[in-house]
Amino acid sequence: MIARSLLMLFVVACGSDDDVAVDAGHDAGLDAGRDGGTDAGPLPECGTGSPLALASCVERARYEADVERIAQPREPESAHWQSVQDLCASRLEALGFDVERHDYGTGINVIGTRLGTTTPERRVIVGAHYDHVAGCEGADDNASGVAGALEVARVLAQSDHARTLVVACWDEEERGLIGSIAHATRAREADEVIDVAFVLEMIGYTDDTPGSQSLPVGVDVVFREAAREVEERESRGDFIAVVGDPGSRSAIDALEAHADRIGLPFIRLDVPASLLASPAAADLRRSDHAAFWQREYPALMVTDTANFRYDRYHCAAGPDVTSQLDFEFASRVVRSVVAAAATALDAP
């Protein structure tokens, strides 16, 4: 995840006339197990009969093994950068996706496409960036997201869907979202219909110590309900945050509902249209979802909040390695994304 200053967003937004209060989501506990976060009964066994049944097909061991494999320094053009690129391509090919290595000039995106059965012209994207900064293992940023996208691909490939599924490993996010901008720009130029892009950006770190979760100055004014929810949790860094534009709200609704059933604490930040392109809102565009916003496509970021919880972000306070990650939490994130993506792929 690229890093930028936050303060200007909140200074400017305080003077906005927009009502940007947010539904902060449910306070489901991580100890919910297979019974999920509500009283709706046990979650279904692995199968293809419903989005939640597909979610139950996520295998933590597979996911964890991929994070371990990816989490080594992999700045662009390095040997391990090439290895991870090859992993994305070979894995998607083995799952039956049509795979393209999208060479846009300065880097290479890996884009896998699995055509829908009845409305193939409509696309749902699940993606994550595979590059990282030099000299840092990047277990959370963003081996956790790449492994998540590959596990989503594996599970969703078990059944047919009405709409087309695209799974992407984007390059050069750390250099300014270059790879995802190239992808979104080409899609817009080709008049592709993208219903929503799910962007996985650091999904593996938690800290349930009170006070471990920080917030930028002024966030309580811009996203009042989200800030209240964090405060009610004693500022514990044990939830997943989702940042989306107005066009992605139905996908966020589905993601939130599935997360509640799966037992994943969830806080949402619905960004008003007036802030999407504002220079003051740079921090809300810190990952590849913003490339799709720029081209007027709905997109959302799923994140553990990076440096607002994790002091090893970009290896600042120590190595960002797999021993720091909460794989049960990350697996629940992946399950929730599987269910929400399946819902979008088969929406009426």
Protein backbone atom coordinates (compact mmCIF):
# COMPACT_ATOMS: atom_id res chain seq x y z
CA MET A 1 0.00 0.00 0.00
CA ILE A 2 1.33 3.43 -0.90
CA ALA A 3 1.51 5.95 1.95
CA ARG A 4 0.30 9.56 1.91
CA SER A 5 -0.61 12.35 4.31
CA LEU A 6 -4.08 12.31 5.83
CA LEU A 7 -4.69 15.62 7.53
CA MET A 8 -5.92 17.65 4.55
CA LEU A 9 -8.76 15.23 3.88
CA PHE A 10 -10.27 15.79 7.27
CA VAL A 11 -9.69 19.54 7.35
CA VAL A 12 -11.52 19.99 4.05
CA ALA A 13 -14.24 17.43 4.70
CA CYS A 14 -15.21 19.10 7.96
CA GLY A 15 -16.61 21.95 5.91
CA SER A 16 -18.57 19.71 3.52
CA ASP A 17 -22.35 19.78 3.34
CA ASP A 18 -22.46 16.05 2.54
CA ASP A 19 -23.96 13.70 5.07
CA VAL A 20 -21.22 11.12 5.27
CA ALA A 21 -22.19 9.27 8.42
CA VAL A 22 -21.64 5.56 7.93
CA ASP A 23 -23.22 2.34 9.08
CA ALA A 24 -20.25 0.97 10.99
CA GLY A 25 -21.33 -2.64 10.72
CA HIS A 26 -21.84 -5.41 13.21
CA ASP A 27 -19.79 -6.22 16.28
CA ALA A 28 -19.41 -9.94 15.62
CA GLY A 29 -16.76 -11.75 17.64
CA LEU A 30 -13.88 -13.70 16.12
CA ASP A 31 -14.63 -16.65 18.40
CA ALA A 32 -17.87 -17.38 16.55
CA GLY A 33 -16.43 -20.42 14.72
CA ARG A 34 -18.66 -22.23 12.21
CA ASP A 35 -21.76 -20.80 13.85
CA GLY A 36 -20.99 -17.40 12.39
CA GLY A 37 -21.77 -14.03 13.92
CA THR A 38 -25.57 -14.25 14.19
CA ASP A 39 -28.23 -16.61 15.53
CA ALA A 40 -29.07 -17.86 12.03
CA GLY A 41 -27.64 -21.32 12.71
CA PRO A 42 -24.50 -23.09 11.55
CA LEU A 43 -22.83 -22.15 8.32
CA PRO A 44 -23.34 -24.59 5.44
CA GLU A 45 -20.74 -27.17 4.56
CA CYS A 46 -18.52 -26.58 1.52
CA GLY A 47 -20.57 -26.70 -1.66
CA THR A 48 -21.81 -24.70 -4.63
CA GLY A 49 -25.42 -24.20 -3.59
CA SER A 50 -25.07 -20.72 -2.09
CA PRO A 51 -22.50 -17.96 -1.56
CA LEU A 52 -21.99 -19.05 2.05
CA ALA A 53 -21.53 -22.67 1.00
CA LEU A 54 -18.80 -21.53 -1.39
CA ALA A 55 -17.25 -19.48 1.40
CA SER A 56 -16.98 -22.63 3.48
CA CYS A 57 -14.74 -24.09 0.76
CA VAL A 58 -11.91 -21.69 1.61
CA GLU A 59 -8.99 -23.68 2.97
CA ARG A 60 -6.83 -21.88 5.49
CA ALA A 61 -3.87 -24.22 4.93
CA ARG A 62 -3.78 -23.45 1.19
CA TYR A 63 -4.06 -19.75 1.86
CA GLU A 64 -1.34 -19.79 4.50
CA ALA A 65 1.02 -21.76 2.26
CA ASP A 66 0.62 -19.17 -0.51
CA VAL A 67 1.32 -16.28 1.87
CA GLU A 68 4.47 -18.07 3.05
CA ARG A 69 5.55 -18.60 -0.56
CA ILE A 70 4.95 -15.00 -1.64
CA ALA A 71 6.35 -13.20 1.43
CA GLN A 72 9.87 -12.39 0.30
CA PRO A 73 11.29 -9.11 -1.05
CA ARG A 74 9.88 -8.65 -4.57
CA GLU A 75 10.44 -5.19 -5.90
CA PRO A 76 9.69 -4.95 -9.65
CA GLU A 77 12.15 -6.73 -11.92
CA SER A 78 13.58 -8.81 -9.05
CA ALA A 79 13.77 -12.60 -9.21
CA HIS A 80 11.00 -13.11 -6.66
CA TRP A 81 8.78 -10.52 -8.34
CA GLN A 82 9.03 -12.73 -11.42
CA SER A 83 8.34 -15.83 -9.33
CA VAL A 84 5.15 -14.36 -7.89
CA GLN A 85 4.05 -13.18 -11.31
CA ASP A 86 4.58 -16.73 -12.59
CA LEU A 87 2.65 -18.14 -9.62
CA CYS A 88 -0.36 -15.94 -10.40
CA ALA A 89 -0.29 -16.94 -14.07
CA SER A 90 0.20 -20.67 -13.57
CA ARG A 91 -2.36 -20.93 -10.78
CA LEU A 92 -5.06 -19.14 -12.75
CA GLU A 93 -4.31 -21.19 -15.86
CA ALA A 94 -4.62 -24.39 -13.84
CA LEU A 95 -8.02 -23.22 -12.60
CA GLY A 96 -9.29 -22.79 -16.14
CA PHE A 97 -8.98 -19.02 -16.51
CA ASP A 98 -7.86 -17.43 -19.76
CA VAL A 99 -4.67 -15.73 -18.60
CA GLU A 100 -2.99 -12.64 -20.01
CA ARG A 101 0.29 -11.10 -18.95
CA HIS A 102 -0.72 -7.53 -19.56
CA ASP A 103 2.52 -5.72 -20.46
CA TYR A 104 1.66 -2.04 -20.24
CA GLY A 105 5.19 -0.74 -20.72
CA THR A 106 6.75 -0.39 -17.28
CA GLY A 107 5.30 -3.49 -15.63
CA ILE A 108 3.16 -6.58 -16.05
CA ASN A 109 -0.28 -7.34 -14.70
CA VAL A 110 -1.51 -10.93 -14.60
CA ILE A 111 -5.20 -10.97 -15.54
CA GLY A 112 -7.27 -14.14 -15.46
CA THR A 113 -10.74 -14.22 -17.03
CA ARG A 114 -13.45 -16.85 -16.59
CA LEU A 115 -16.47 -16.11 -18.78
CA GLY A 116 -19.95 -15.96 -17.34
CA THR A 117 -22.67 -18.22 -18.62
CA THR A 118 -25.59 -15.86 -19.27
CA THR A 119 -24.28 -12.28 -19.02
CA PRO A 120 -20.57 -12.62 -19.85
CA GLU A 121 -20.35 -8.96 -20.87
CA ARG A 122 -20.68 -7.99 -17.19
CA ARG A 123 -17.53 -8.39 -15.08
CA VAL A 124 -16.70 -8.72 -11.40
CA ILE A 125 -13.04 -8.22 -10.49
CA VAL A 126 -11.12 -9.57 -7.49
CA GLY A 127 -7.52 -8.37 -7.34
CA ALA A 128 -4.44 -7.47 -5.33
CA HIS A 129 -1.03 -5.98 -6.07
CA TYR A 130 1.93 -8.35 -6.08
CA ASP A 131 4.83 -5.87 -6.08
CA HIS A 132 6.40 -4.42 -2.95
CA VAL A 133 9.10 -2.01 -1.82
CA ALA A 134 12.75 -3.06 -1.90
CA GLY A 135 14.17 -5.02 1.01
CA CYS A 136 10.87 -5.80 2.75
CA GLU A 137 9.21 -9.22 2.90
CA GLY A 138 5.71 -7.74 2.58
CA ALA A 139 3.80 -10.58 4.26
CA ASP A 140 0.83 -8.37 5.06
CA ASP A 141 1.56 -5.86 2.26
CA ASN A 142 0.51 -7.56 0.11
CA ALA A 143 1.24 -11.28 0.16
CA SER A 144 -1.90 -11.55 2.29
CA GLY A 145 -3.98 -9.95 -0.47
CA VAL A 146 -2.44 -11.85 -3.41
CA ALA A 147 -2.89 -15.19 -1.66
CA GLY A 148 -6.45 -14.16 -0.86
CA ALA A 149 -7.22 -13.36 -4.49
CA LEU A 150 -5.81 -16.73 -5.58
CA GLU A 151 -7.90 -18.59 -3.00
CA VAL A 152 -11.01 -16.66 -4.09
CA ALA A 153 -10.23 -17.72 -7.66
CA ARG A 154 -9.85 -21.38 -6.65
CA VAL A 155 -13.15 -21.48 -4.80
CA LEU A 156 -15.23 -19.52 -7.31
CA ALA A 157 -13.89 -21.63 -10.18
CA GLN A 158 -15.68 -24.64 -8.65
CA SER A 159 -18.98 -23.48 -10.16
CA ASP A 160 -20.32 -21.52 -13.11
CA HIS A 161 -21.57 -17.97 -12.65
CA ALA A 162 -23.81 -15.72 -14.70
CA ARG A 163 -21.27 -12.91 -14.99
CA THR A 164 -17.60 -13.00 -15.91
CA LEU A 165 -15.05 -13.33 -13.11
CA VAL A 166 -11.74 -11.51 -13.49
CA VAL A 167 -8.91 -12.17 -11.03
CA ALA A 168 -5.96 -9.79 -11.24
CA CYS A 169 -2.46 -9.58 -9.80
CA TRP A 170 -1.50 -5.95 -10.38
CA ASP A 171 2.03 -4.62 -10.67
CA GLU A 172 3.57 -1.31 -9.49
CA GLU A 173 0.99 -0.36 -6.90
CA GLU A 174 3.81 0.88 -4.68
CA ARG A 175 4.92 3.24 -7.45
CA GLY A 176 1.55 4.95 -7.73
CA LEU A 177 -1.08 2.37 -8.74
CA ILE A 178 0.51 2.15 -12.18
CA GLY A 179 -0.58 -1.39 -13.01
CA SER A 180 -4.19 -1.07 -11.94
CA ILE A 181 -4.49 2.29 -13.69
CA ALA A 182 -3.32 0.62 -16.90
CA HIS A 183 -5.91 -2.15 -16.40
CA ALA A 184 -8.81 0.21 -15.62
CA THR A 185 -7.87 2.60 -18.43
CA ARG A 186 -7.79 -0.17 -21.01
CA ALA A 187 -11.13 -1.49 -19.74
CA ARG A 188 -12.73 1.94 -20.09
CA GLU A 189 -11.32 2.42 -23.57
CA ALA A 190 -12.81 -0.95 -24.57
CA ASP A 191 -16.18 -0.03 -22.97
CA GLU A 192 -16.02 -3.02 -20.65
CA VAL A 193 -18.83 -3.28 -18.11
CA ILE A 194 -17.39 -3.76 -14.62
CA ASP A 195 -20.03 -4.20 -11.93
CA VAL A 196 -17.54 -3.96 -9.05
CA ALA A 197 -13.88 -4.51 -8.25
CA PHE A 198 -12.94 -6.08 -4.91
CA VAL A 199 -9.40 -4.96 -4.01
CA LEU A 200 -7.59 -6.91 -1.27
CA GLU A 201 -5.02 -4.64 0.37
CA MET A 202 -3.37 -5.99 3.55
CA ILE A 203 -5.87 -8.35 5.14
CA GLY A 204 -3.83 -10.34 7.67
CA TYR A 205 -2.81 -8.34 10.74
CA THR A 206 -4.77 -7.91 13.96
CA ASP A 207 -4.02 -6.66 17.45
CA ASP A 208 -6.74 -7.04 20.08
CA THR A 209 -4.89 -4.90 22.64
CA PRO A 210 -7.02 -1.89 23.68
CA GLY A 211 -5.63 1.21 22.01
CA SER A 212 -3.82 -0.66 19.23
CA GLN A 213 -6.02 0.85 16.50
CA SER A 214 -5.36 4.48 15.66
CA LEU A 215 -7.37 6.84 13.48
CA PRO A 216 -6.37 9.96 11.57
CA VAL A 217 -7.18 13.29 13.17
CA GLY A 218 -10.70 14.32 12.14
CA VAL A 219 -12.01 10.92 11.07
CA ASP A 220 -14.69 11.19 13.75
CA VAL A 221 -16.13 14.12 11.82
CA VAL A 222 -16.03 12.57 8.35
CA PHE A 223 -17.02 9.00 9.27
CA ARG A 224 -18.79 9.46 12.57
CA GLU A 225 -20.33 6.00 12.90
CA ALA A 226 -17.11 4.22 11.99
CA ALA A 227 -15.18 6.22 14.56
CA ARG A 228 -17.82 5.50 17.19
CA GLU A 229 -17.61 1.79 16.44
CA VAL A 230 -13.82 1.81 16.83
CA GLU A 231 -14.16 3.62 20.15
CA GLU A 232 -16.77 1.13 21.36
CA ARG A 233 -14.29 -1.65 20.54
CA GLU A 234 -11.77 0.08 22.84
CA SER A 235 -9.73 0.90 19.74
CA ARG A 236 -8.74 -2.74 19.27
CA GLY A 237 -7.27 -3.53 15.86
CA ASP A 238 -9.33 -6.67 15.32
CA PHE A 239 -11.74 -5.75 12.51
CA ILE A 240 -11.64 -5.54 8.73
CA ALA A 241 -12.27 -2.13 7.16
CA VAL A 242 -13.94 -1.62 3.79
CA VAL A 243 -13.70 1.63 1.82
CA GLY A 244 -16.00 2.04 -1.17
CA ASP A 245 -17.64 4.52 -3.53
CA PRO A 246 -21.41 4.97 -3.99
CA GLY A 247 -21.51 2.49 -6.89
CA SER A 248 -20.06 -0.28 -4.73
CA ARG A 249 -22.51 0.00 -1.85
CA SER A 250 -24.60 -3.03 -2.77
CA ALA A 251 -21.39 -5.10 -2.86
CA ILE A 252 -20.38 -3.67 0.53
CA ASP A 253 -23.83 -4.51 1.89
CA ALA A 254 -23.38 -8.12 0.77
CA LEU A 255 -19.84 -8.25 2.12
CA GLU A 256 -20.99 -6.90 5.47
CA ALA A 257 -23.88 -9.36 5.72
CA HIS A 258 -21.66 -12.33 4.90
CA ALA A 259 -18.94 -11.14 7.27
CA ASP A 260 -21.51 -11.00 10.06
CA ARG A 261 -22.53 -14.61 9.42
CA ILE A 262 -18.90 -15.71 9.21
CA GLY A 263 -17.97 -13.94 12.44
CA LEU A 264 -15.73 -11.22 11.07
CA PRO A 265 -15.84 -7.78 12.75
CA PHE A 266 -16.50 -5.25 9.99
CA ILE A 267 -16.35 -1.46 9.71
CA ARG A 268 -17.32 0.35 6.53
CA LEU A 269 -16.45 3.76 5.17
CA ASP A 270 -18.82 4.80 2.37
CA VAL A 271 -17.05 7.60 0.54
CA PRO A 272 -19.42 10.27 -0.84
CA ALA A 273 -19.18 11.08 -4.54
CA SER A 274 -18.02 14.61 -3.75
CA LEU A 275 -14.79 13.28 -2.21
CA LEU A 276 -13.85 10.58 -4.72
CA ALA A 277 -11.66 12.78 -6.91
CA SER A 278 -10.79 15.49 -4.39
CA PRO A 279 -7.08 16.19 -3.85
CA ALA A 280 -7.96 16.36 -0.16
CA ALA A 281 -9.05 12.71 -0.18
CA ALA A 282 -5.71 11.24 -1.24
CA ASP A 283 -5.59 8.85 1.70
CA LEU A 284 -8.86 7.23 0.66
CA ARG A 285 -7.21 6.33 -2.65
CA ARG A 286 -4.20 4.50 -1.23
CA SER A 287 -4.66 1.29 -3.21
CA ASP A 288 -5.78 -0.11 -6.53
CA HIS A 289 -9.51 0.51 -6.04
CA ALA A 290 -8.75 4.17 -6.76
CA ALA A 291 -7.64 3.31 -10.30
CA PHE A 292 -11.16 2.08 -10.99
CA TRP A 293 -12.72 5.11 -9.31
CA GLN A 294 -10.69 7.29 -11.69
CA ARG A 295 -12.29 5.52 -14.65
CA GLU A 296 -15.77 5.69 -13.07
CA TYR A 297 -16.01 2.01 -12.17
CA PRO A 298 -17.40 0.85 -8.80
CA ALA A 299 -14.66 -0.48 -6.53
CA LEU A 300 -13.95 -1.16 -2.88
CA MET A 301 -10.86 -1.78 -0.78
CA VAL A 302 -10.76 -4.49 1.89
CA THR A 303 -7.99 -3.71 4.41
CA ASP A 304 -6.71 -4.22 7.93
CA THR A 305 -5.91 -0.44 7.90
CA ALA A 306 -2.14 -0.83 7.37
CA ASN A 307 -0.03 1.62 9.37
CA PHE A 308 -2.95 2.68 11.57
CA ARG A 309 -2.62 -0.70 13.26
CA TYR A 310 0.61 -2.31 12.07
CA ASP A 311 3.92 -0.65 12.92
CA ARG A 312 5.80 -3.01 10.57
CA TYR A 313 4.08 -1.53 7.53
CA HIS A 314 6.79 -1.23 4.86
CA CYS A 315 9.10 -2.82 7.46
CA ALA A 316 9.26 0.49 9.36
CA ALA A 317 9.50 -1.02 12.86
CA GLY A 318 10.71 -4.49 11.89
CA PRO A 319 10.26 -7.15 9.24
CA ASP A 320 6.76 -7.65 7.82
CA VAL A 321 6.83 -11.45 8.03
CA THR A 322 4.24 -14.22 8.23
CA SER A 323 4.77 -14.81 11.96
CA GLN A 324 3.10 -11.43 12.53
CA LEU A 325 -0.14 -12.42 10.79
CA ASP A 326 -3.45 -13.73 12.10
CA PHE A 327 -4.32 -16.44 9.59
CA GLU A 328 -7.69 -17.28 11.12
CA PHE A 329 -8.75 -13.65 10.73
CA ALA A 330 -7.39 -13.48 7.16
CA SER A 331 -9.19 -16.70 6.25
CA ARG A 332 -12.47 -15.20 7.43
CA VAL A 333 -11.78 -12.16 5.28
CA VAL A 334 -11.25 -14.42 2.26
CA ARG A 335 -14.44 -16.36 3.01
CA SER A 336 -16.41 -13.12 3.22
CA VAL A 337 -14.99 -11.91 -0.11
CA VAL A 338 -15.81 -15.26 -1.75
CA ALA A 339 -19.44 -14.97 -0.62
CA ALA A 340 -19.77 -11.32 -1.65
CA ALA A 341 -18.13 -11.89 -5.05
CA ALA A 342 -20.37 -14.90 -5.67
CA THR A 343 -23.39 -12.75 -4.82
CA ALA A 344 -22.26 -10.11 -7.34
CA LEU A 345 -21.49 -12.71 -10.02
CA ASP A 346 -24.98 -14.19 -9.84
CA ALA A 347 -27.02 -11.06 -9.06
CA PRO A 348 -30.34 -10.79 -10.92
